[in-house]
Amino acid sequence: MQFSVKTTDYQKNLMLNICDLDLLGKNIIEDELNMNISKSYYGEKIIEHEEARTLLKNASIINMVGKETVSLSLEIGIGSEQGVKIIGGVPFLIVFKM
């Protein structure tokens, strides 16, 4: 599985935007909500599973979209099932590590 990511240094913290590669460039729509999985926000680099694990472990702020991405995060103990939101059938999770 491949992922699309963009990393940013934000107030001395690593901020990670990560999504399943197949979602990049798509719109997710549910009722009045329209979420664009844009290349400018998620599309800096394409990475493989192991690099995604490492980035998820090291990032302080994580914005993630997609079944594979959210599953990987939960598998390694980052975030919780209760925090996952489903938008148009697609899992979405934001994590702030303290």
PDB file of N, CA and C in Angstrom:
ATOM      1  N   MET A   1       0.847  -1.199   0.000  1.00  0.00           N
ATOM      2  CA  MET A   1       0.000   0.000   0.000  1.00  0.00           C
ATOM      3  C   MET A   1       0.875   1.239   0.000  1.00  0.00           C
ATOM      4  N   GLN A   2       0.501   2.201  -0.802  1.00  0.00           N
ATOM      5  CA  GLN A   2       1.213   3.467  -0.848  1.00  0.00           C
ATOM      6  C   GLN A   2       0.342   4.566  -0.257  1.00  0.00           C
ATOM      7  N   PHE A   3       1.022   5.573   0.260  1.00  0.00           N
ATOM      8  CA  PHE A   3       0.374   6.704   0.895  1.00  0.00           C
ATOM      9  C   PHE A   3       0.918   7.985   0.284  1.00  0.00           C
ATOM     10  N   SER A   4       0.122   9.034   0.325  1.00  0.00           N
ATOM     11  CA  SER A   4       0.566  10.346  -0.106  1.00  0.00           C
ATOM     12  C   SER A   4       0.674  11.220   1.136  1.00  0.00           C
ATOM     13  N   VAL A   5       1.790  11.930   1.258  1.00  0.00           N
ATOM     14  CA  VAL A   5       2.031  12.713   2.473  1.00  0.00           C
ATOM     15  C   VAL A   5       2.566  14.103   2.161  1.00  0.00           C
ATOM     16  N   LYS A   6       2.355  14.971   3.124  1.00  0.00           N
ATOM     17  CA  LYS A   6       3.002  16.274   3.144  1.00  0.00           C
ATOM     18  C   LYS A   6       3.372  16.540   4.599  1.00  0.00           C
ATOM     19  N   THR A   7       4.620  16.916   4.825  1.00  0.00           N
ATOM     20  CA  THR A   7       5.062  17.235   6.175  1.00  0.00           C
ATOM     21  C   THR A   7       5.409  18.715   6.265  1.00  0.00           C
ATOM     22  N   THR A   8       5.183  19.261   7.445  1.00  0.00           N
ATOM     23  CA  THR A   8       5.447  20.667   7.704  1.00  0.00           C
ATOM     24  C   THR A   8       5.960  20.800   9.127  1.00  0.00           C
ATOM     25  N   ASP A   9       6.927  21.677   9.331  1.00  0.00           N
ATOM     26  CA  ASP A   9       7.327  22.026  10.690  1.00  0.00           C
ATOM     27  C   ASP A   9       6.394  23.125  11.165  1.00  0.00           C
ATOM     28  N   TYR A  10       5.682  22.855  12.258  1.00  0.00           N
ATOM     29  CA  TYR A  10       4.721  23.812  12.791  1.00  0.00           C
ATOM     30  C   TYR A  10       5.030  24.043  14.260  1.00  0.00           C
ATOM     31  N   GLN A  11       5.515  25.228  14.594  1.00  0.00           N
ATOM     32  CA  GLN A  11       5.870  25.600  15.968  1.00  0.00           C
ATOM     33  C   GLN A  11       6.743  24.532  16.616  1.00  0.00           C
ATOM     34  N   LYS A  12       7.801  24.132  15.902  1.00  0.00           N
ATOM     35  CA  LYS A  12       8.788  23.145  16.343  1.00  0.00           C
ATOM     36  C   LYS A  12       8.216  21.744  16.496  1.00  0.00           C
ATOM     37  N   ASN A  13       7.097  21.471  15.846  1.00  0.00           N
ATOM     38  CA  ASN A  13       6.492  20.145  15.826  1.00  0.00           C
ATOM     39  C   ASN A  13       6.357  19.682  14.382  1.00  0.00           C
ATOM     40  N   LEU A  14       6.442  18.357  14.190  1.00  0.00           N
ATOM     41  CA  LEU A  14       6.241  17.802  12.862  1.00  0.00           C
ATOM     42  C   LEU A  14       4.753  17.599  12.637  1.00  0.00           C
ATOM     43  N   MET A  15       4.217  18.281  11.612  1.00  0.00           N
ATOM     44  CA  MET A  15       2.820  18.117  11.233  1.00  0.00           C
ATOM     45  C   MET A  15       2.779  17.236   9.989  1.00  0.00           C
ATOM     46  N   LEU A  16       1.946  16.196  10.032  1.00  0.00           N
ATOM     47  CA  LEU A  16       1.851  15.226   8.946  1.00  0.00           C
ATOM     48  C   LEU A  16       0.434  15.204   8.394  1.00  0.00           C
ATOM     49  N   ASN A  17       0.317  15.422   7.103  1.00  0.00           N
ATOM     50  CA  ASN A  17      -0.942  15.222   6.380  1.00  0.00           C
ATOM     51  C   ASN A  17      -0.726  13.964   5.547  1.00  0.00           C
ATOM     52  N   ILE A  18      -1.552  12.952   5.760  1.00  0.00           N
ATOM     53  CA  ILE A  18      -1.346  11.665   5.096  1.00  0.00           C
ATOM     54  C   ILE A  18      -2.689  11.081   4.661  1.00  0.00           C
ATOM     55  N   CYS A  19      -2.696  10.489   3.461  1.00  0.00           N
ATOM     56  CA  CYS A  19      -3.923   9.856   2.960  1.00  0.00           C
ATOM     57  C   CYS A  19      -3.564   8.630   2.135  1.00  0.00           C
ATOM     58  N   ASP A  20      -4.563   7.763   1.951  1.00  0.00           N
ATOM     59  CA  ASP A  20      -4.416   6.650   1.026  1.00  0.00           C
ATOM     60  C   ASP A  20      -4.166   7.250  -0.359  1.00  0.00           C
ATOM     61  N   LEU A  21      -3.212   6.713  -1.074  1.00  0.00           N
ATOM     62  CA  LEU A  21      -2.835   7.277  -2.374  1.00  0.00           C
ATOM     63  C   LEU A  21      -4.019   7.359  -3.336  1.00  0.00           C
ATOM     64  N   ASP A  22      -4.893   6.373  -3.313  1.00  0.00           N
ATOM     65  CA  ASP A  22      -6.014   6.375  -4.263  1.00  0.00           C
ATOM     66  C   ASP A  22      -7.055   7.463  -3.986  1.00  0.00           C
ATOM     67  N   LEU A  23      -6.960   8.146  -2.837  1.00  0.00           N
ATOM     68  CA  LEU A  23      -7.885   9.237  -2.520  1.00  0.00           C
ATOM     69  C   LEU A  23      -7.377  10.604  -2.983  1.00  0.00           C
ATOM     70  N   LEU A  24      -6.100  10.691  -3.306  1.00  0.00           N
ATOM     71  CA  LEU A  24      -5.496  11.969  -3.672  1.00  0.00           C
ATOM     72  C   LEU A  24      -6.207  12.593  -4.873  1.00  0.00           C
ATOM     73  N   GLY A  25      -6.626  13.841  -4.706  1.00  0.00           N
ATOM     74  CA  GLY A  25      -7.301  14.566  -5.773  1.00  0.00           C
ATOM     75  C   GLY A  25      -8.805  14.361  -5.826  1.00  0.00           C
ATOM     76  N   LYS A  26      -9.342  13.570  -4.888  1.00  0.00           N
ATOM     77  CA  LYS A  26     -10.776  13.291  -4.892  1.00  0.00           C
ATOM     78  C   LYS A  26     -11.533  14.194  -3.929  1.00  0.00           C
ATOM     79  N   ASN A  27     -12.830  14.323  -4.170  1.00  0.00           N
ATOM     80  CA  ASN A  27     -13.735  15.022  -3.261  1.00  0.00           C
ATOM     81  C   ASN A  27     -14.571  13.980  -2.538  1.00  0.00           C
ATOM     82  N   ILE A  28     -14.713  14.161  -1.247  1.00  0.00           N
ATOM     83  CA  ILE A  28     -15.572  13.296  -0.445  1.00  0.00           C
ATOM     84  C   ILE A  28     -16.758  14.148  -0.029  1.00  0.00           C
ATOM     85  N   ILE A  29     -17.940  13.684  -0.367  1.00  0.00           N
ATOM     86  CA  ILE A  29     -19.142  14.480  -0.121  1.00  0.00           C
ATOM     87  C   ILE A  29     -20.115  13.702   0.745  1.00  0.00           C
ATOM     88  N   GLU A  30     -20.632  14.382   1.760  1.00  0.00           N
ATOM     89  CA  GLU A  30     -21.702  13.828   2.591  1.00  0.00           C
ATOM     90  C   GLU A  30     -22.588  14.979   3.048  1.00  0.00           C
ATOM     91  N   ASP A  31     -23.827  14.916   2.657  1.00  0.00           N
ATOM     92  CA  ASP A  31     -24.788  15.982   2.964  1.00  0.00           C
ATOM     93  C   ASP A  31     -24.227  17.332   2.505  1.00  0.00           C
ATOM     94  N   GLU A  32     -24.089  18.273   3.420  1.00  0.00           N
ATOM     95  CA  GLU A  32     -23.596  19.618   3.105  1.00  0.00           C
ATOM     96  C   GLU A  32     -22.063  19.702   3.107  1.00  0.00           C
ATOM     97  N   LEU A  33     -21.398  18.639   3.548  1.00  0.00           N
ATOM     98  CA  LEU A  33     -19.942  18.637   3.699  1.00  0.00           C
ATOM     99  C   LEU A  33     -19.262  18.160   2.422  1.00  0.00           C
ATOM    100  N   ASN A  34     -18.285  18.923   1.949  1.00  0.00           N
ATOM    101  CA  ASN A  34     -17.494  18.569   0.776  1.00  0.00           C
ATOM    102  C   ASN A  34     -16.025  18.699   1.156  1.00  0.00           C
ATOM    103  N   MET A  35     -15.322  17.572   1.260  1.00  0.00           N
ATOM    104  CA  MET A  35     -13.919  17.587   1.652  1.00  0.00           C
ATOM    105  C   MET A  35     -13.064  17.226   0.440  1.00  0.00           C
ATOM    106  N   ASN A  36     -12.140  18.119   0.076  1.00  0.00           N
ATOM    107  CA  ASN A  36     -11.252  17.919  -1.060  1.00  0.00           C
ATOM    108  C   ASN A  36      -9.922  17.367  -0.556  1.00  0.00           C
ATOM    109  N   ILE A  37      -9.555  16.196  -1.030  1.00  0.00           N
ATOM    110  CA  ILE A  37      -8.263  15.593  -0.684  1.00  0.00           C
ATOM    111  C   ILE A  37      -7.256  16.123  -1.713  1.00  0.00           C
ATOM    112  N   SER A  38      -6.812  17.338  -1.491  1.00  0.00           N
ATOM    113  CA  SER A  38      -6.034  18.061  -2.506  1.00  0.00           C
ATOM    114  C   SER A  38      -4.558  17.670  -2.522  1.00  0.00           C
ATOM    115  N   LYS A  39      -3.986  17.795  -3.708  1.00  0.00           N
ATOM    116  CA  LYS A  39      -2.552  17.537  -3.879  1.00  0.00           C
ATOM    117  C   LYS A  39      -1.732  18.571  -3.123  1.00  0.00           C
ATOM    118  N   SER A  40      -2.237  19.789  -3.003  1.00  0.00           N
ATOM    119  CA  SER A  40      -1.479  20.823  -2.300  1.00  0.00           C
ATOM    120  C   SER A  40      -1.402  20.548  -0.793  1.00  0.00           C
ATOM    121  N   TYR A  41      -2.359  19.823  -0.253  1.00  0.00           N
ATOM    122  CA  TYR A  41      -2.396  19.551   1.187  1.00  0.00           C
ATOM    123  C   TYR A  41      -1.824  18.174   1.529  1.00  0.00           C
ATOM    124  N   TYR A  42      -2.018  17.185   0.667  1.00  0.00           N
ATOM    125  CA  TYR A  42      -1.588  15.817   0.944  1.00  0.00           C
ATOM    126  C   TYR A  42      -0.554  15.281  -0.037  1.00  0.00           C
ATOM    127  N   GLY A  43      -0.234  16.010  -1.087  1.00  0.00           N
ATOM    128  CA  GLY A  43       0.486  15.403  -2.197  1.00  0.00           C
ATOM    129  C   GLY A  43       1.938  15.747  -2.401  1.00  0.00           C
ATOM    130  N   GLU A  44       2.680  15.990  -1.364  1.00  0.00           N
ATOM    131  CA  GLU A  44       4.098  16.342  -1.535  1.00  0.00           C
ATOM    132  C   GLU A  44       4.947  15.148  -1.976  1.00  0.00           C
ATOM    133  N   LYS A  45       4.637  13.950  -1.437  1.00  0.00           N
ATOM    134  CA  LYS A  45       5.499  12.789  -1.654  1.00  0.00           C
ATOM    135  C   LYS A  45       4.674  11.502  -1.535  1.00  0.00           C
ATOM    136  N   ILE A  46       5.027  10.504  -2.323  1.00  0.00           N
ATOM    137  CA  ILE A  46       4.401   9.186  -2.228  1.00  0.00           C
ATOM    138  C   ILE A  46       5.363   8.269  -1.482  1.00  0.00           C
ATOM    139  N   ILE A  47       4.830   7.586  -0.463  1.00  0.00           N
ATOM    140  CA  ILE A  47       5.683   6.733   0.373  1.00  0.00           C
ATOM    141  C   ILE A  47       5.077   5.341   0.524  1.00  0.00           C
ATOM    142  N   GLU A  48       5.906   4.420   0.990  1.00  0.00           N
ATOM    143  CA  GLU A  48       5.489   3.046   1.240  1.00  0.00           C
ATOM    144  C   GLU A  48       5.111   2.868   2.712  1.00  0.00           C
ATOM    145  N   HIS A  49       4.607   1.690   3.029  1.00  0.00           N
ATOM    146  CA  HIS A  49       4.083   1.335   4.347  1.00  0.00           C
ATOM    147  C   HIS A  49       5.055   1.643   5.494  1.00  0.00           C
ATOM    148  N   GLU A  50       6.299   1.209   5.390  1.00  0.00           N
ATOM    149  CA  GLU A  50       7.247   1.379   6.506  1.00  0.00           C
ATOM    150  C   GLU A  50       7.559   2.844   6.788  1.00  0.00           C
ATOM    151  N   GLU A  51       7.719   3.629   5.752  1.00  0.00           N
ATOM    152  CA  GLU A  51       7.966   5.061   5.955  1.00  0.00           C
ATOM    153  C   GLU A  51       6.739   5.733   6.566  1.00  0.00           C
ATOM    154  N   ALA A  52       5.560   5.278   6.172  1.00  0.00           N
ATOM    155  CA  ALA A  52       4.327   5.815   6.761  1.00  0.00           C
ATOM    156  C   ALA A  52       4.284   5.519   8.261  1.00  0.00           C
ATOM    157  N   ARG A  53       4.641   4.302   8.644  1.00  0.00           N
ATOM    158  CA  ARG A  53       4.694   3.934  10.075  1.00  0.00           C
ATOM    159  C   ARG A  53       5.619   4.877  10.837  1.00  0.00           C
ATOM    160  N   THR A  54       6.795   5.094  10.287  1.00  0.00           N
ATOM    161  CA  THR A  54       7.789   5.950  10.940  1.00  0.00           C
ATOM    162  C   THR A  54       7.281   7.377  11.086  1.00  0.00           C
ATOM    163  N   LEU A  55       6.717   7.925  10.022  1.00  0.00           N
ATOM    164  CA  LEU A  55       6.192   9.289  10.083  1.00  0.00           C
ATOM    165  C   LEU A  55       5.045   9.403  11.085  1.00  0.00           C
ATOM    166  N   LEU A  56       4.144   8.431  11.093  1.00  0.00           N
ATOM    167  CA  LEU A  56       3.040   8.450  12.042  1.00  0.00           C
ATOM    168  C   LEU A  56       3.552   8.435  13.485  1.00  0.00           C
ATOM    169  N   LYS A  57       4.573   7.641  13.744  1.00  0.00           N
ATOM    170  CA  LYS A  57       5.135   7.564  15.096  1.00  0.00           C
ATOM    171  C   LYS A  57       5.830   8.861  15.504  1.00  0.00           C
ATOM    172  N   ASN A  58       6.452   9.552  14.548  1.00  0.00           N
ATOM    173  CA  ASN A  58       7.271  10.722  14.863  1.00  0.00           C
ATOM    174  C   ASN A  58       6.534  12.059  14.810  1.00  0.00           C
ATOM    175  N   ALA A  59       5.403  12.101  14.154  1.00  0.00           N
ATOM    176  CA  ALA A  59       4.673  13.365  14.001  1.00  0.00           C
ATOM    177  C   ALA A  59       3.920  13.720  15.285  1.00  0.00           C
ATOM    178  N   SER A  60       3.797  15.010  15.542  1.00  0.00           N
ATOM    179  CA  SER A  60       3.059  15.505  16.708  1.00  0.00           C
ATOM    180  C   SER A  60       1.619  15.856  16.364  1.00  0.00           C
ATOM    181  N   ILE A  61       1.403  16.290  15.129  1.00  0.00           N
ATOM    182  CA  ILE A  61       0.074  16.666  14.651  1.00  0.00           C
ATOM    183  C   ILE A  61      -0.155  15.874  13.368  1.00  0.00           C
ATOM    184  N   ILE A  62      -1.244  15.096  13.345  1.00  0.00           N
ATOM    185  CA  ILE A  62      -1.488  14.232  12.192  1.00  0.00           C
ATOM    186  C   ILE A  62      -2.918  14.417  11.696  1.00  0.00           C
ATOM    187  N   ASN A  63      -3.036  14.670  10.409  1.00  0.00           N
ATOM    188  CA  ASN A  63      -4.327  14.786   9.741  1.00  0.00           C
ATOM    189  C   ASN A  63      -4.363  13.653   8.728  1.00  0.00           C
ATOM    190  N   MET A  64      -5.234  12.659   8.946  1.00  0.00           N
ATOM    191  CA  MET A  64      -5.212  11.478   8.080  1.00  0.00           C
ATOM    192  C   MET A  64      -6.579  11.150   7.514  1.00  0.00           C
ATOM    193  N   VAL A  65      -6.549  10.642   6.279  1.00  0.00           N
ATOM    194  CA  VAL A  65      -7.773  10.287   5.575  1.00  0.00           C
ATOM    195  C   VAL A  65      -7.560   8.962   4.847  1.00  0.00           C
ATOM    196  N   GLY A  66      -8.538   8.070   4.981  1.00  0.00           N
ATOM    197  CA  GLY A  66      -8.503   6.819   4.229  1.00  0.00           C
ATOM    198  C   GLY A  66      -8.457   5.595   5.119  1.00  0.00           C
ATOM    199  N   LYS A  67      -9.039   4.528   4.619  1.00  0.00           N
ATOM    200  CA  LYS A  67      -9.141   3.279   5.371  1.00  0.00           C
ATOM    201  C   LYS A  67      -7.769   2.724   5.750  1.00  0.00           C
ATOM    202  N   GLU A  68      -6.853   2.655   4.795  1.00  0.00           N
ATOM    203  CA  GLU A  68      -5.527   2.091   5.062  1.00  0.00           C
ATOM    204  C   GLU A  68      -4.725   2.967   6.026  1.00  0.00           C
ATOM    205  N   THR A  69      -4.794   4.270   5.818  1.00  0.00           N
ATOM    206  CA  THR A  69      -4.056   5.207   6.664  1.00  0.00           C
ATOM    207  C   THR A  69      -4.535   5.150   8.105  1.00  0.00           C
ATOM    208  N   VAL A  70      -5.846   5.253   8.300  1.00  0.00           N
ATOM    209  CA  VAL A  70      -6.404   5.239   9.655  1.00  0.00           C
ATOM    210  C   VAL A  70      -6.174   3.881  10.311  1.00  0.00           C
ATOM    211  N   SER A  71      -6.321   2.790   9.563  1.00  0.00           N
ATOM    212  CA  SER A  71      -6.078   1.449  10.109  1.00  0.00           C
ATOM    213  C   SER A  71      -4.635   1.297  10.589  1.00  0.00           C
ATOM    214  N   LEU A  72      -3.691   1.774   9.788  1.00  0.00           N
ATOM    215  CA  LEU A  72      -2.284   1.701  10.174  1.00  0.00           C
ATOM    216  C   LEU A  72      -2.037   2.494  11.450  1.00  0.00           C
ATOM    217  N   SER A  73      -2.592   3.677  11.535  1.00  0.00           N
ATOM    218  CA  SER A  73      -2.422   4.509  12.718  1.00  0.00           C
ATOM    219  C   SER A  73      -2.960   3.809  13.970  1.00  0.00           C
ATOM    220  N   LEU A  74      -4.148   3.273  13.884  1.00  0.00           N
ATOM    221  CA  LEU A  74      -4.749   2.580  15.033  1.00  0.00           C
ATOM    222  C   LEU A  74      -3.949   1.330  15.389  1.00  0.00           C
ATOM    223  N   GLU A  75      -3.448   0.635  14.383  1.00  0.00           N
ATOM    224  CA  GLU A  75      -2.652  -0.580  14.590  1.00  0.00           C
ATOM    225  C   GLU A  75      -1.394  -0.300  15.412  1.00  0.00           C
ATOM    226  N   ILE A  76      -0.777   0.858  15.210  1.00  0.00           N
ATOM    227  CA  ILE A  76       0.450   1.185  15.951  1.00  0.00           C
ATOM    228  C   ILE A  76       0.171   2.017  17.200  1.00  0.00           C
ATOM    229  N   GLY A  77      -1.111   2.154  17.553  1.00  0.00           N
ATOM    230  CA  GLY A  77      -1.478   2.799  18.809  1.00  0.00           C
ATOM    231  C   GLY A  77      -1.583   4.307  18.772  1.00  0.00           C
ATOM    232  N   ILE A  78      -1.771   4.861  17.586  1.00  0.00           N
ATOM    233  CA  ILE A  78      -1.916   6.312  17.467  1.00  0.00           C
ATOM    234  C   ILE A  78      -3.374   6.619  17.140  1.00  0.00           C
ATOM    235  N   GLY A  79      -4.027   7.359  18.030  1.00  0.00           N
ATOM    236  CA  GLY A  79      -5.440   7.656  17.865  1.00  0.00           C
ATOM    237  C   GLY A  79      -6.298   6.550  18.465  1.00  0.00           C
ATOM    238  N   SER A  80      -7.603   6.730  18.374  1.00  0.00           N
ATOM    239  CA  SER A  80      -8.531   5.724  18.904  1.00  0.00           C
ATOM    240  C   SER A  80      -9.729   5.603  17.974  1.00  0.00           C
ATOM    241  N   GLU A  81     -10.374   4.454  18.040  1.00  0.00           N
ATOM    242  CA  GLU A  81     -11.574   4.211  17.235  1.00  0.00           C
ATOM    243  C   GLU A  81     -12.631   5.289  17.482  1.00  0.00           C
ATOM    244  N   GLN A  82     -12.731   5.760  18.727  1.00  0.00           N
ATOM    245  CA  GLN A  82     -13.737   6.758  19.080  1.00  0.00           C
ATOM    246  C   GLN A  82     -13.496   8.091  18.376  1.00  0.00           C
ATOM    247  N   GLY A  83     -12.266   8.371  18.002  1.00  0.00           N
ATOM    248  CA  GLY A  83     -11.944   9.625  17.335  1.00  0.00           C
ATOM    249  C   GLY A  83     -12.162   9.607  15.836  1.00  0.00           C
ATOM    250  N   VAL A  84     -12.354   8.428  15.266  1.00  0.00           N
ATOM    251  CA  VAL A  84     -12.510   8.296  13.820  1.00  0.00           C
ATOM    252  C   VAL A  84     -13.901   8.770  13.400  1.00  0.00           C
ATOM    253  N   LYS A  85     -13.925   9.632  12.416  1.00  0.00           N
ATOM    254  CA  LYS A  85     -15.176  10.109  11.813  1.00  0.00           C
ATOM    255  C   LYS A  85     -15.270   9.524  10.415  1.00  0.00           C
ATOM    256  N   ILE A  86     -16.478   9.251   9.981  1.00  0.00           N
ATOM    257  CA  ILE A  86     -16.687   8.727   8.634  1.00  0.00           C
ATOM    258  C   ILE A  86     -17.389   9.805   7.817  1.00  0.00           C
ATOM    259  N   ILE A  87     -16.753  10.203   6.723  1.00  0.00           N
ATOM    260  CA  ILE A  87     -17.304  11.223   5.842  1.00  0.00           C
ATOM    261  C   ILE A  87     -17.458  10.590   4.461  1.00  0.00           C
ATOM    262  N   GLY A  88     -18.669  10.476   3.992  1.00  0.00           N
ATOM    263  CA  GLY A  88     -18.898   9.865   2.686  1.00  0.00           C
ATOM    264  C   GLY A  88     -18.340   8.464   2.585  1.00  0.00           C
ATOM    265  N   GLY A  89     -18.352   7.721   3.697  1.00  0.00           N
ATOM    266  CA  GLY A  89     -17.841   6.354   3.722  1.00  0.00           C
ATOM    267  C   GLY A  89     -16.335   6.243   3.902  1.00  0.00           C
ATOM    268  N   VAL A  90     -15.645   7.371   4.057  1.00  0.00           N
ATOM    269  CA  VAL A  90     -14.188   7.382   4.169  1.00  0.00           C
ATOM    270  C   VAL A  90     -13.786   7.801   5.594  1.00  0.00           C
ATOM    271  N   PRO A  91     -12.937   6.992   6.273  1.00  0.00           N
ATOM    272  CA  PRO A  91     -12.487   7.352   7.624  1.00  0.00           C
ATOM    273  C   PRO A  91     -11.564   8.570   7.613  1.00  0.00           C
ATOM    274  N   PHE A  92     -11.713   9.395   8.644  1.00  0.00           N
ATOM    275  CA  PHE A  92     -10.951  10.632   8.805  1.00  0.00           C
ATOM    276  C   PHE A  92     -10.576  10.734  10.273  1.00  0.00           C
ATOM    277  N   LEU A  93      -9.329  11.075  10.578  1.00  0.00           N
ATOM    278  CA  LEU A  93      -8.876  11.171  11.963  1.00  0.00           C
ATOM    279  C   LEU A  93      -7.814  12.250  12.086  1.00  0.00           C
ATOM    280  N   ILE A  94      -7.945  13.069  13.130  1.00  0.00           N
ATOM    281  CA  ILE A  94      -6.933  14.065  13.461  1.00  0.00           C
ATOM    282  C   ILE A  94      -6.391  13.724  14.843  1.00  0.00           C
ATOM    283  N   VAL A  95      -5.062  13.737  14.988  1.00  0.00           N
ATOM    284  CA  VAL A  95      -4.418  13.408  16.259  1.00  0.00           C
ATOM    285  C   VAL A  95      -3.445  14.518  16.629  1.00  0.00           C
ATOM    286  N   PHE A  96      -3.520  14.946  17.883  1.00  0.00           N
ATOM    287  CA  PHE A  96      -2.555  15.874  18.462  1.00  0.00           C
ATOM    288  C   PHE A  96      -1.879  15.143  19.613  1.00  0.00           C
ATOM    289  N   LYS A  97      -0.579  14.928  19.499  1.00  0.00           N
ATOM    290  CA  LYS A  97       0.154  14.249  20.578  1.00  0.00           C
ATOM    291  C   LYS A  97       0.660  15.308  21.554  1.00  0.00           C
ATOM    292  N   MET A  98       0.462  15.062  22.810  1.00  0.00           N
ATOM    293  CA  MET A  98       0.928  16.008  23.837  1.00  0.00           C
ATOM    294  C   MET A  98       2.201  15.492  24.475  1.00  0.00           C
TER     295      MET A  98
END
